[in-house]
PDB file of N, CA and C in Angstrom:
ATOM      1  N   MET A   1       5.257  -0.012  -0.629  1.00  0.00           N
ATOM      2  CA  MET A   1       5.645  -1.067   0.280  1.00  0.00           C
ATOM      3  C   MET A   1       4.438  -1.875   0.725  1.00  0.00           C
ATOM      4  N   GLY A   2       3.549  -1.311   1.535  1.00  0.00           N
ATOM      5  CA  GLY A   2       2.319  -1.988   1.872  1.00  0.00           C
ATOM      6  C   GLY A   2       2.446  -3.135   2.842  1.00  0.00           C
ATOM      7  N   TYR A   3       3.253  -3.047   3.853  1.00  0.00           N
ATOM      8  CA  TYR A   3       3.382  -4.093   4.857  1.00  0.00           C
ATOM      9  C   TYR A   3       3.223  -3.464   6.234  1.00  0.00           C
ATOM     10  N   ARG A   4       2.887  -4.285   7.190  1.00  0.00           N
ATOM     11  CA  ARG A   4       2.796  -3.841   8.581  1.00  0.00           C
ATOM     12  C   ARG A   4       4.032  -4.359   9.283  1.00  0.00           C
ATOM     13  N   ILE A   5       4.765  -3.466   9.927  1.00  0.00           N
ATOM     14  CA  ILE A   5       5.951  -3.867  10.681  1.00  0.00           C
ATOM     15  C   ILE A   5       5.543  -4.005  12.143  1.00  0.00           C
ATOM     16  N   PHE A   6       5.635  -5.212  12.648  1.00  0.00           N
ATOM     17  CA  PHE A   6       5.282  -5.465  14.043  1.00  0.00           C
ATOM     18  C   PHE A   6       6.441  -5.042  14.943  1.00  0.00           C
ATOM     19  N   ASP A   7       6.141  -4.822  16.218  1.00  0.00           N
ATOM     20  CA  ASP A   7       7.153  -4.337  17.161  1.00  0.00           C
ATOM     21  C   ASP A   7       8.387  -5.234  17.196  1.00  0.00           C
ATOM     22  N   SER A   8       8.182  -6.531  17.164  1.00  0.00           N
ATOM     23  CA  SER A   8       9.324  -7.457  17.206  1.00  0.00           C
ATOM     24  C   SER A   8      10.198  -7.299  15.957  1.00  0.00           C
ATOM     25  N   GLU A   9       9.570  -7.113  14.813  1.00  0.00           N
ATOM     26  CA  GLU A   9      10.320  -6.919  13.574  1.00  0.00           C
ATOM     27  C   GLU A   9      11.061  -5.588  13.591  1.00  0.00           C
ATOM     28  N   LEU A  10      10.431  -4.590  14.185  1.00  0.00           N
ATOM     29  CA  LEU A  10      11.059  -3.283  14.301  1.00  0.00           C
ATOM     30  C   LEU A  10      12.325  -3.360  15.156  1.00  0.00           C
ATOM     31  N   LYS A  11      12.302  -4.179  16.195  1.00  0.00           N
ATOM     32  CA  LYS A  11      13.488  -4.340  17.037  1.00  0.00           C
ATOM     33  C   LYS A  11      14.658  -4.902  16.227  1.00  0.00           C
ATOM     34  N   ILE A  12      14.385  -5.871  15.375  1.00  0.00           N
ATOM     35  CA  ILE A  12      15.428  -6.435  14.519  1.00  0.00           C
ATOM     36  C   ILE A  12      15.941  -5.374  13.541  1.00  0.00           C
ATOM     37  N   LEU A  13      15.016  -4.647  12.919  1.00  0.00           N
ATOM     38  CA  LEU A  13      15.413  -3.595  11.981  1.00  0.00           C
ATOM     39  C   LEU A  13      16.262  -2.531  12.677  1.00  0.00           C
ATOM     40  N   GLU A  14      15.881  -2.155  13.891  1.00  0.00           N
ATOM     41  CA  GLU A  14      16.658  -1.152  14.617  1.00  0.00           C
ATOM     42  C   GLU A  14      18.083  -1.624  14.881  1.00  0.00           C
ATOM     43  N   LEU A  15      18.240  -2.900  15.195  1.00  0.00           N
ATOM     44  CA  LEU A  15      19.585  -3.444  15.386  1.00  0.00           C
ATOM     45  C   LEU A  15      20.399  -3.323  14.102  1.00  0.00           C
ATOM     46  N   LEU A  16      19.759  -3.603  12.974  1.00  0.00           N
ATOM     47  CA  LEU A  16      20.464  -3.516  11.693  1.00  0.00           C
ATOM     48  C   LEU A  16      20.714  -2.065  11.285  1.00  0.00           C
ATOM     49  N   TRP A  17      19.760  -1.200  11.529  1.00  0.00           N
ATOM     50  CA  TRP A  17      19.965   0.221  11.197  1.00  0.00           C
ATOM     51  C   TRP A  17      21.105   0.803  12.023  1.00  0.00           C
ATOM     52  N   ASP A  18      21.181   0.407  13.283  1.00  0.00           N
ATOM     53  CA  ASP A  18      22.220   0.938  14.162  1.00  0.00           C
ATOM     54  C   ASP A  18      23.570   0.254  13.957  1.00  0.00           C
ATOM     55  N   GLY A  19      23.533  -1.041  13.646  1.00  0.00           N
ATOM     56  CA  GLY A  19      24.779  -1.808  13.563  1.00  0.00           C
ATOM     57  C   GLY A  19      25.258  -2.132  12.168  1.00  0.00           C
ATOM     58  N   GLY A  20      24.452  -1.817  11.153  1.00  0.00           N
ATOM     59  CA  GLY A  20      24.826  -2.186   9.790  1.00  0.00           C
ATOM     60  C   GLY A  20      24.607  -3.669   9.562  1.00  0.00           C
ATOM     61  N   GLU A  21      25.332  -4.217   8.623  1.00  0.00           N
ATOM     62  CA  GLU A  21      25.206  -5.641   8.313  1.00  0.00           C
ATOM     63  C   GLU A  21      25.707  -6.471   9.493  1.00  0.00           C
ATOM     64  N   LEU A  22      24.875  -7.413   9.943  1.00  0.00           N
ATOM     65  CA  LEU A  22      25.209  -8.269  11.081  1.00  0.00           C
ATOM     66  C   LEU A  22      24.861  -9.709  10.754  1.00  0.00           C
ATOM     67  N   THR A  23      25.560 -10.638  11.374  1.00  0.00           N
ATOM     68  CA  THR A  23      25.187 -12.045  11.227  1.00  0.00           C
ATOM     69  C   THR A  23      23.987 -12.323  12.121  1.00  0.00           C
ATOM     70  N   ALA A  24      23.285 -13.404  11.811  1.00  0.00           N
ATOM     71  CA  ALA A  24      22.148 -13.801  12.635  1.00  0.00           C
ATOM     72  C   ALA A  24      22.594 -14.054  14.074  1.00  0.00           C
ATOM     73  N   LYS A  25      23.779 -14.603  14.228  1.00  0.00           N
ATOM     74  CA  LYS A  25      24.325 -14.868  15.564  1.00  0.00           C
ATOM     75  C   LYS A  25      24.567 -13.554  16.321  1.00  0.00           C
ATOM     76  N   GLU A  26      25.101 -12.553  15.638  1.00  0.00           N
ATOM     77  CA  GLU A  26      25.328 -11.244  16.267  1.00  0.00           C
ATOM     78  C   GLU A  26      24.006 -10.593  16.659  1.00  0.00           C
ATOM     79  N   ILE A  27      23.013 -10.716  15.790  1.00  0.00           N
ATOM     80  CA  ILE A  27      21.693 -10.159  16.087  1.00  0.00           C
ATOM     81  C   ILE A  27      21.096 -10.859  17.308  1.00  0.00           C
ATOM     82  N   ALA A  28      21.231 -12.180  17.362  1.00  0.00           N
ATOM     83  CA  ALA A  28      20.700 -12.934  18.503  1.00  0.00           C
ATOM     84  C   ALA A  28      21.371 -12.493  19.807  1.00  0.00           C
ATOM     85  N   ALA A  29      22.675 -12.262  19.775  1.00  0.00           N
ATOM     86  CA  ALA A  29      23.388 -11.822  20.977  1.00  0.00           C
ATOM     87  C   ALA A  29      22.922 -10.429  21.402  1.00  0.00           C
ATOM     88  N   LEU A  30      22.770  -9.532  20.439  1.00  0.00           N
ATOM     89  CA  LEU A  30      22.293  -8.185  20.751  1.00  0.00           C
ATOM     90  C   LEU A  30      20.859  -8.210  21.278  1.00  0.00           C
ATOM     91  N   ALA A  31      20.012  -9.015  20.656  1.00  0.00           N
ATOM     92  CA  ALA A  31      18.614  -9.109  21.087  1.00  0.00           C
ATOM     93  C   ALA A  31      18.521  -9.699  22.492  1.00  0.00           C
ATOM     94  N   ALA A  32      19.377 -10.657  22.801  1.00  0.00           N
ATOM     95  CA  ALA A  32      19.386 -11.235  24.151  1.00  0.00           C
ATOM     96  C   ALA A  32      19.779 -10.182  25.170  1.00  0.00           C
ATOM     97  N   ALA A  33      20.793  -9.389  24.844  1.00  0.00           N
ATOM     98  CA  ALA A  33      21.287  -8.381  25.779  1.00  0.00           C
ATOM     99  C   ALA A  33      20.325  -7.201  25.923  1.00  0.00           C
ATOM    100  N   GLN A  34      19.751  -6.766  24.824  1.00  0.00           N
ATOM    101  CA  GLN A  34      18.937  -5.552  24.848  1.00  0.00           C
ATOM    102  C   GLN A  34      17.461  -5.796  25.123  1.00  0.00           C
ATOM    103  N   VAL A  35      16.951  -6.945  24.664  1.00  0.00           N
ATOM    104  CA  VAL A  35      15.514  -7.185  24.763  1.00  0.00           C
ATOM    105  C   VAL A  35      15.191  -8.405  25.628  1.00  0.00           C
ATOM    106  N   GLY A  36      16.187  -9.263  25.840  1.00  0.00           N
ATOM    107  CA  GLY A  36      15.970 -10.459  26.644  1.00  0.00           C
ATOM    108  C   GLY A  36      15.416 -11.633  25.860  1.00  0.00           C
ATOM    109  N   TRP A  37      15.553 -11.586  24.533  1.00  0.00           N
ATOM    110  CA  TRP A  37      15.042 -12.667  23.704  1.00  0.00           C
ATOM    111  C   TRP A  37      15.973 -13.872  23.712  1.00  0.00           C
ATOM    112  N   SER A  38      15.377 -15.052  23.547  1.00  0.00           N
ATOM    113  CA  SER A  38      16.163 -16.264  23.333  1.00  0.00           C
ATOM    114  C   SER A  38      16.620 -16.293  21.874  1.00  0.00           C
ATOM    115  N   LYS A  39      17.582 -17.140  21.607  1.00  0.00           N
ATOM    116  CA  LYS A  39      18.073 -17.284  20.240  1.00  0.00           C
ATOM    117  C   LYS A  39      16.945 -17.754  19.314  1.00  0.00           C
ATOM    118  N   THR A  40      16.114 -18.665  19.800  1.00  0.00           N
ATOM    119  CA  THR A  40      15.005 -19.186  19.008  1.00  0.00           C
ATOM    120  C   THR A  40      14.022 -18.080  18.626  1.00  0.00           C
ATOM    121  N   THR A  41      13.692 -17.229  19.586  1.00  0.00           N
ATOM    122  CA  THR A  41      12.780 -16.111  19.308  1.00  0.00           C
ATOM    123  C   THR A  41      13.375 -15.199  18.249  1.00  0.00           C
ATOM    124  N   THR A  42      14.638 -14.853  18.410  1.00  0.00           N
ATOM    125  CA  THR A  42      15.296 -13.959  17.450  1.00  0.00           C
ATOM    126  C   THR A  42      15.289 -14.573  16.058  1.00  0.00           C
ATOM    127  N   TYR A  43      15.629 -15.858  15.953  1.00  0.00           N
ATOM    128  CA  TYR A  43      15.675 -16.495  14.632  1.00  0.00           C
ATOM    129  C   TYR A  43      14.282 -16.574  14.001  1.00  0.00           C
ATOM    130  N   THR A  44      13.254 -16.766  14.820  1.00  0.00           N
ATOM    131  CA  THR A  44      11.885 -16.782  14.300  1.00  0.00           C
ATOM    132  C   THR A  44      11.507 -15.420  13.732  1.00  0.00           C
ATOM    133  N   VAL A  45      11.839 -14.352  14.454  1.00  0.00           N
ATOM    134  CA  VAL A  45      11.526 -13.006  13.974  1.00  0.00           C
ATOM    135  C   VAL A  45      12.355 -12.687  12.728  1.00  0.00           C
ATOM    136  N   LEU A  46      13.621 -13.098  12.719  1.00  0.00           N
ATOM    137  CA  LEU A  46      14.458 -12.908  11.528  1.00  0.00           C
ATOM    138  C   LEU A  46      13.831 -13.571  10.308  1.00  0.00           C
ATOM    139  N   LYS A  47      13.349 -14.792  10.496  1.00  0.00           N
ATOM    140  CA  LYS A  47      12.721 -15.528   9.394  1.00  0.00           C
ATOM    141  C   LYS A  47      11.508 -14.770   8.854  1.00  0.00           C
ATOM    142  N   LYS A  48      10.692 -14.227   9.749  1.00  0.00           N
ATOM    143  CA  LYS A  48       9.517 -13.456   9.323  1.00  0.00           C
ATOM    144  C   LYS A  48       9.928 -12.195   8.562  1.00  0.00           C
ATOM    145  N   CYS A  49      10.990 -11.543   9.036  1.00  0.00           N
ATOM    146  CA  CYS A  49      11.490 -10.338   8.349  1.00  0.00           C
ATOM    147  C   CYS A  49      11.981 -10.671   6.942  1.00  0.00           C
ATOM    148  N   VAL A  50      12.635 -11.799   6.797  1.00  0.00           N
ATOM    149  CA  VAL A  50      13.104 -12.239   5.472  1.00  0.00           C
ATOM    150  C   VAL A  50      11.905 -12.527   4.574  1.00  0.00           C
ATOM    151  N   GLU A  51      10.909 -13.243   5.096  1.00  0.00           N
ATOM    152  CA  GLU A  51       9.716 -13.587   4.313  1.00  0.00           C
ATOM    153  C   GLU A  51       8.961 -12.347   3.846  1.00  0.00           C
ATOM    154  N   LYS A  52       8.954 -11.296   4.670  1.00  0.00           N
ATOM    155  CA  LYS A  52       8.270 -10.052   4.318  1.00  0.00           C
ATOM    156  C   LYS A  52       9.087  -9.168   3.389  1.00  0.00           C
ATOM    157  N   GLY A  53      10.365  -9.502   3.217  1.00  0.00           N
ATOM    158  CA  GLY A  53      11.221  -8.667   2.387  1.00  0.00           C
ATOM    159  C   GLY A  53      11.772  -7.459   3.120  1.00  0.00           C
ATOM    160  N   LEU A  54      11.766  -7.502   4.445  1.00  0.00           N
ATOM    161  CA  LEU A  54      12.307  -6.401   5.235  1.00  0.00           C
ATOM    162  C   LEU A  54      13.824  -6.482   5.355  1.00  0.00           C
ATOM    163  N   ILE A  55      14.333  -7.712   5.374  1.00  0.00           N
ATOM    164  CA  ILE A  55      15.776  -7.911   5.430  1.00  0.00           C
ATOM    165  C   ILE A  55      16.177  -9.005   4.448  1.00  0.00           C
ATOM    166  N   ALA A  56      17.453  -8.972   4.071  1.00  0.00           N
ATOM    167  CA  ALA A  56      18.033 -10.030   3.242  1.00  0.00           C
ATOM    168  C   ALA A  56      19.023 -10.795   4.115  1.00  0.00           C
ATOM    169  N   ARG A  57      19.066 -12.106   3.917  1.00  0.00           N
ATOM    170  CA  ARG A  57      20.003 -12.946   4.663  1.00  0.00           C
ATOM    171  C   ARG A  57      20.769 -13.803   3.666  1.00  0.00           C
ATOM    172  N   THR A  58      22.074 -13.703   3.695  1.00  0.00           N
ATOM    173  CA  THR A  58      22.897 -14.451   2.742  1.00  0.00           C
ATOM    174  C   THR A  58      23.272 -15.809   3.310  1.00  0.00           C
ATOM    175  N   GLU A  59      23.489 -16.735   2.423  1.00  0.00           N
ATOM    176  CA  GLU A  59      23.970 -18.072   2.791  1.00  0.00           C
ATOM    177  C   GLU A  59      25.445 -18.143   2.426  1.00  0.00           C
ATOM    178  N   PRO A  60      26.283 -18.859   3.035  1.00  0.00           N
ATOM    179  CA  PRO A  60      26.072 -19.716   4.210  1.00  0.00           C
ATOM    180  C   PRO A  60      26.361 -19.000   5.527  1.00  0.00           C
ATOM    181  N   ASP A  61      26.794 -17.735   5.475  1.00  0.00           N
ATOM    182  CA  ASP A  61      27.224 -17.066   6.712  1.00  0.00           C
ATOM    183  C   ASP A  61      26.089 -16.361   7.452  1.00  0.00           C
ATOM    184  N   PHE A  62      24.884 -16.348   6.871  1.00  0.00           N
ATOM    185  CA  PHE A  62      23.702 -15.765   7.503  1.00  0.00           C
ATOM    186  C   PHE A  62      23.877 -14.286   7.865  1.00  0.00           C
ATOM    187  N   ARG A  63      24.540 -13.546   6.970  1.00  0.00           N
ATOM    188  CA  ARG A  63      24.678 -12.102   7.148  1.00  0.00           C
ATOM    189  C   ARG A  63      23.341 -11.449   6.788  1.00  0.00           C
ATOM    190  N   CYS A  64      22.912 -10.535   7.634  1.00  0.00           N
ATOM    191  CA  CYS A  64      21.617  -9.890   7.454  1.00  0.00           C
ATOM    192  C   CYS A  64      21.806  -8.410   7.143  1.00  0.00           C
ATOM    193  N   THR A  65      20.989  -7.920   6.227  1.00  0.00           N
ATOM    194  CA  THR A  65      21.009  -6.521   5.819  1.00  0.00           C
ATOM    195  C   THR A  65      19.567  -6.022   5.748  1.00  0.00           C
ATOM    196  N   ALA A  66      19.325  -4.826   6.272  1.00  0.00           N
ATOM    197  CA  ALA A  66      17.994  -4.232   6.171  1.00  0.00           C
ATOM    198  C   ALA A  66      17.736  -3.828   4.722  1.00  0.00           C
ATOM    199  N   LEU A  67      16.574  -4.180   4.211  1.00  0.00           N
ATOM    200  CA  LEU A  67      16.187  -3.813   2.844  1.00  0.00           C
ATOM    201  C   LEU A  67      15.325  -2.560   2.815  1.00  0.00           C
ATOM    202  N   VAL A  68      14.914  -2.095   3.980  1.00  0.00           N
ATOM    203  CA  VAL A  68      14.163  -0.841   4.093  1.00  0.00           C
ATOM    204  C   VAL A  68      14.936   0.079   5.028  1.00  0.00           C
ATOM    205  N   THR A  69      14.884   1.351   4.743  1.00  0.00           N
ATOM    206  CA  THR A  69      15.544   2.319   5.609  1.00  0.00           C
ATOM    207  C   THR A  69      14.621   2.687   6.761  1.00  0.00           C
ATOM    208  N   ARG A  70      15.195   3.309   7.753  1.00  0.00           N
ATOM    209  CA  ARG A  70      14.405   3.788   8.883  1.00  0.00           C
ATOM    210  C   ARG A  70      13.340   4.766   8.381  1.00  0.00           C
ATOM    211  N   GLN A  71      13.732   5.651   7.452  1.00  0.00           N
ATOM    212  CA  GLN A  71      12.795   6.642   6.920  1.00  0.00           C
ATOM    213  C   GLN A  71      11.652   5.971   6.154  1.00  0.00           C
ATOM    214  N   GLN A  72      11.948   4.949   5.360  1.00  0.00           N
ATOM    215  CA  GLN A  72      10.893   4.234   4.634  1.00  0.00           C
ATOM    216  C   GLN A  72       9.922   3.579   5.607  1.00  0.00           C
ATOM    217  N   ALA A  73      10.445   2.978   6.654  1.00  0.00           N
ATOM    218  CA  ALA A  73       9.585   2.330   7.651  1.00  0.00           C
ATOM    219  C   ALA A  73       8.728   3.358   8.377  1.00  0.00           C
ATOM    220  N   GLN A  74       9.323   4.504   8.733  1.00  0.00           N
ATOM    221  CA  GLN A  74       8.562   5.556   9.402  1.00  0.00           C
ATOM    222  C   GLN A  74       7.446   6.074   8.501  1.00  0.00           C
ATOM    223  N   GLN A  75       7.751   6.279   7.237  1.00  0.00           N
ATOM    224  CA  GLN A  75       6.740   6.777   6.304  1.00  0.00           C
ATOM    225  C   GLN A  75       5.604   5.779   6.145  1.00  0.00           C
ATOM    226  N   GLN A  76       5.925   4.503   6.011  1.00  0.00           N
ATOM    227  CA  GLN A  76       4.905   3.472   5.863  1.00  0.00           C
ATOM    228  C   GLN A  76       4.016   3.405   7.102  1.00  0.00           C
ATOM    229  N   GLU A  77       4.639   3.409   8.266  1.00  0.00           N
ATOM    230  CA  GLU A  77       3.871   3.329   9.512  1.00  0.00           C
ATOM    231  C   GLU A  77       3.006   4.578   9.704  1.00  0.00           C
ATOM    232  N   THR A  78       3.514   5.736   9.312  1.00  0.00           N
ATOM    233  CA  THR A  78       2.733   6.974   9.427  1.00  0.00           C
ATOM    234  C   THR A  78       1.536   6.936   8.492  1.00  0.00           C
ATOM    235  N   ARG A  79       1.752   6.468   7.248  1.00  0.00           N
ATOM    236  CA  ARG A  79       0.630   6.334   6.306  1.00  0.00           C
ATOM    237  C   ARG A  79      -0.427   5.389   6.859  1.00  0.00           C
ATOM    238  N   ASP A  80       0.016   4.278   7.430  1.00  0.00           N
ATOM    239  CA  ASP A  80      -0.931   3.318   8.012  1.00  0.00           C
ATOM    240  C   ASP A  80      -1.716   3.945   9.166  1.00  0.00           C
ATOM    241  N   LEU A  81      -1.030   4.701  10.024  1.00  0.00           N
ATOM    242  CA  LEU A  81      -1.692   5.369  11.141  1.00  0.00           C
ATOM    243  C   LEU A  81      -2.723   6.367  10.636  1.00  0.00           C
ATOM    244  N   ILE A  82      -2.355   7.173   9.643  1.00  0.00           N
ATOM    245  CA  ILE A  82      -3.275   8.163   9.085  1.00  0.00           C
ATOM    246  C   ILE A  82      -4.496   7.470   8.479  1.00  0.00           C
ATOM    247  N   ASP A  83      -4.271   6.394   7.741  1.00  0.00           N
ATOM    248  CA  ASP A  83      -5.385   5.666   7.133  1.00  0.00           C
ATOM    249  C   ASP A  83      -6.285   5.035   8.194  1.00  0.00           C
ATOM    250  N   ARG A  84      -5.675   4.392   9.182  1.00  0.00           N
ATOM    251  CA  ARG A  84      -6.421   3.631  10.174  1.00  0.00           C
ATOM    252  C   ARG A  84      -7.164   4.532  11.171  1.00  0.00           C
ATOM    253  N   MET A  85      -6.508   5.582  11.637  1.00  0.00           N
ATOM    254  CA  MET A  85      -7.074   6.391  12.720  1.00  0.00           C
ATOM    255  C   MET A  85      -7.721   7.694  12.270  1.00  0.00           C
ATOM    256  N   TYR A  86      -7.363   8.173  11.076  1.00  0.00           N
ATOM    257  CA  TYR A  86      -7.839   9.488  10.644  1.00  0.00           C
ATOM    258  C   TYR A  86      -8.479   9.461   9.257  1.00  0.00           C
ATOM    259  N   GLY A  87      -8.881   8.271   8.819  1.00  0.00           N
ATOM    260  CA  GLY A  87      -9.577   8.156   7.547  1.00  0.00           C
ATOM    261  C   GLY A  87      -8.778   8.672   6.367  1.00  0.00           C
ATOM    262  N   GLY A  88      -7.458   8.600   6.469  1.00  0.00           N
ATOM    263  CA  GLY A  88      -6.597   9.039   5.374  1.00  0.00           C
ATOM    264  C   GLY A  88      -6.337  10.538   5.342  1.00  0.00           C
ATOM    265  N   ALA A  89      -6.856  11.276   6.318  1.00  0.00           N
ATOM    266  CA  ALA A  89      -6.720  12.735   6.334  1.00  0.00           C
ATOM    267  C   ALA A  89      -5.546  13.150   7.222  1.00  0.00           C
ATOM    268  N   ALA A  90      -4.424  13.501   6.605  1.00  0.00           N
ATOM    269  CA  ALA A  90      -3.226  13.887   7.343  1.00  0.00           C
ATOM    270  C   ALA A  90      -3.461  15.137   8.186  1.00  0.00           C
ATOM    271  N   ASP A  91      -4.303  16.037   7.703  1.00  0.00           N
ATOM    272  CA  ASP A  91      -4.562  17.259   8.466  1.00  0.00           C
ATOM    273  C   ASP A  91      -5.222  16.949   9.811  1.00  0.00           C
ATOM    274  N   ARG A  92      -6.024  15.881   9.854  1.00  0.00           N
ATOM    275  CA  ARG A  92      -6.653  15.487  11.118  1.00  0.00           C
ATOM    276  C   ARG A  92      -5.620  14.950  12.108  1.00  0.00           C
ATOM    277  N   LEU A  93      -4.597  14.263  11.591  1.00  0.00           N
ATOM    278  CA  LEU A  93      -3.507  13.804  12.455  1.00  0.00           C
ATOM    279  C   LEU A  93      -2.769  15.003  13.046  1.00  0.00           C
ATOM    280  N   VAL A  94      -2.429  15.969  12.208  1.00  0.00           N
ATOM    281  CA  VAL A  94      -1.721  17.160  12.678  1.00  0.00           C
ATOM    282  C   VAL A  94      -2.569  17.907  13.698  1.00  0.00           C
ATOM    283  N   ALA A  95      -3.849  18.070  13.418  1.00  0.00           N
ATOM    284  CA  ALA A  95      -4.739  18.752  14.355  1.00  0.00           C
ATOM    285  C   ALA A  95      -4.780  18.018  15.695  1.00  0.00           C
ATOM    286  N   SER A  96      -4.795  16.705  15.650  1.00  0.00           N
ATOM    287  CA  SER A  96      -4.817  15.907  16.869  1.00  0.00           C
ATOM    288  C   SER A  96      -3.525  16.090  17.669  1.00  0.00           C
ATOM    289  N   LEU A  97      -2.402  16.131  16.973  1.00  0.00           N
ATOM    290  CA  LEU A  97      -1.115  16.309  17.636  1.00  0.00           C
ATOM    291  C   LEU A  97      -1.000  17.686  18.297  1.00  0.00           C
ATOM    292  N   LEU A  98      -1.586  18.688  17.661  1.00  0.00           N
ATOM    293  CA  LEU A  98      -1.435  20.060  18.136  1.00  0.00           C
ATOM    294  C   LEU A  98      -2.540  20.516  19.084  1.00  0.00           C
ATOM    295  N   GLU A  99      -3.594  19.729  19.162  1.00  0.00           N
ATOM    296  CA  GLU A  99      -4.735  20.114  19.984  1.00  0.00           C
ATOM    297  C   GLU A  99      -4.316  20.368  21.428  1.00  0.00           C
ATOM    298  N   GLY A 100      -4.634  21.565  21.896  1.00  0.00           N
ATOM    299  CA  GLY A 100      -4.353  21.904  23.279  1.00  0.00           C
ATOM    300  C   GLY A 100      -2.906  22.257  23.569  1.00  0.00           C
ATOM    301  N   LYS A 101      -2.050  22.299  22.550  1.00  0.00           N
ATOM    302  CA  LYS A 101      -0.639  22.616  22.766  1.00  0.00           C
ATOM    303  C   LYS A 101      -0.381  24.036  22.291  1.00  0.00           C
ATOM    304  N   ALA A 102       0.177  24.849  23.161  1.00  0.00           N
ATOM    305  CA  ALA A 102       0.552  26.206  22.771  1.00  0.00           C
ATOM    306  C   ALA A 102       1.846  26.132  21.968  1.00  0.00           C
ATOM    307  N   LEU A 103       1.825  26.663  20.764  1.00  0.00           N
ATOM    308  CA  LEU A 103       3.003  26.637  19.900  1.00  0.00           C
ATOM    309  C   LEU A 103       3.789  27.924  20.034  1.00  0.00           C
ATOM    310  N   SER A 104       5.105  27.773  19.966  1.00  0.00           N
ATOM    311  CA  SER A 104       5.958  28.956  19.973  1.00  0.00           C
ATOM    312  C   SER A 104       5.918  29.595  18.585  1.00  0.00           C
ATOM    313  N   VAL A 105       6.397  30.814  18.495  1.00  0.00           N
ATOM    314  CA  VAL A 105       6.460  31.516  17.214  1.00  0.00           C
ATOM    315  C   VAL A 105       7.335  30.725  16.238  1.00  0.00           C
ATOM    316  N   GLU A 106       8.433  30.154  16.730  1.00  0.00           N
ATOM    317  CA  GLU A 106       9.338  29.372  15.878  1.00  0.00           C
ATOM    318  C   GLU A 106       8.644  28.125  15.322  1.00  0.00           C
ATOM    319  N   GLU A 107       7.871  27.445  16.166  1.00  0.00           N
ATOM    320  CA  GLU A 107       7.153  26.249  15.718  1.00  0.00           C
ATOM    321  C   GLU A 107       6.117  26.602  14.660  1.00  0.00           C
ATOM    322  N   ILE A 108       5.422  27.698  14.862  1.00  0.00           N
ATOM    323  CA  ILE A 108       4.421  28.139  13.877  1.00  0.00           C
ATOM    324  C   ILE A 108       5.100  28.473  12.559  1.00  0.00           C
ATOM    325  N   ASP A 109       6.236  29.143  12.619  1.00  0.00           N
ATOM    326  CA  ASP A 109       6.983  29.486  11.396  1.00  0.00           C
ATOM    327  C   ASP A 109       7.442  28.226  10.662  1.00  0.00           C
ATOM    328  N   ARG A 110       7.926  27.227  11.398  1.00  0.00           N
ATOM    329  CA  ARG A 110       8.349  25.965  10.764  1.00  0.00           C
ATOM    330  C   ARG A 110       7.172  25.268  10.095  1.00  0.00           C
ATOM    331  N   LEU A 111       6.022  25.273  10.768  1.00  0.00           N
ATOM    332  CA  LEU A 111       4.830  24.665  10.177  1.00  0.00           C
ATOM    333  C   LEU A 111       4.403  25.405   8.912  1.00  0.00           C
ATOM    334  N   ARG A 112       4.460  26.735   8.943  1.00  0.00           N
ATOM    335  CA  ARG A 112       4.120  27.527   7.744  1.00  0.00           C
ATOM    336  C   ARG A 112       5.034  27.179   6.577  1.00  0.00           C
ATOM    337  N   ARG A 113       6.347  27.111   6.870  1.00  0.00           N
ATOM    338  CA  ARG A 113       7.318  26.773   5.809  1.00  0.00           C
ATOM    339  C   ARG A 113       7.041  25.376   5.251  1.00  0.00           C
ATOM    340  N   LEU A 114       6.741  24.452   6.131  1.00  0.00           N
ATOM    341  CA  LEU A 114       6.441  23.091   5.683  1.00  0.00           C
ATOM    342  C   LEU A 114       5.225  23.067   4.773  1.00  0.00           C
ATOM    343  N   VAL A 115       4.181  23.758   5.166  1.00  0.00           N
ATOM    344  CA  VAL A 115       2.965  23.809   4.363  1.00  0.00           C
ATOM    345  C   VAL A 115       3.276  24.442   3.013  1.00  0.00           C
ATOM    346  N   GLU A 116       4.040  25.496   2.988  1.00  0.00           N
ATOM    347  CA  GLU A 116       4.401  26.157   1.727  1.00  0.00           C
ATOM    348  C   GLU A 116       5.203  25.224   0.821  1.00  0.00           C
ATOM    349  N   GLU A 117       6.116  24.461   1.414  1.00  0.00           N
ATOM    350  CA  GLU A 117       6.913  23.514   0.631  1.00  0.00           C
ATOM    351  C   GLU A 117       6.046  22.412   0.039  1.00  0.00           C
ATOM    352  N   LEU A 118       4.983  22.054   0.729  1.00  0.00           N
ATOM    353  CA  LEU A 118       4.119  20.964   0.273  1.00  0.00           C
ATOM    354  C   LEU A 118       3.130  21.394  -0.814  1.00  0.00           C
ATOM    355  N   LYS A 119       2.944  22.698  -0.990  1.00  0.00           N
ATOM    356  CA  LYS A 119       1.991  23.189  -1.990  1.00  0.00           C
ATOM    357  C   LYS A 119       2.461  22.890  -3.394  1.00  0.00           C
TER     358      LYS A 119
END
């Protein structure tokens, strides 16, 4: 994938992930109610999402569909975080998350299973 999803774009994607295929007008109404955006702001962000290939918009009814799944977006953002903050070392991210946190026996077992699955 190789794109950065900005917070505003993520809000649009979340609306589509939660609501399925929606018209631009429906997205604008939801964004106004949930985020307080104007119609112009929503349409500008929609346009950027289309240009990036994050969503598809059909003509003439302006139906919008997410082209990336929530899981794909999470994976991309996690890879970017690991690269940017931890020099590409995923183990350093995990160590940072767990630093100073007492883990239960169940959590340790889940981590062991995960590591074994990744081998």
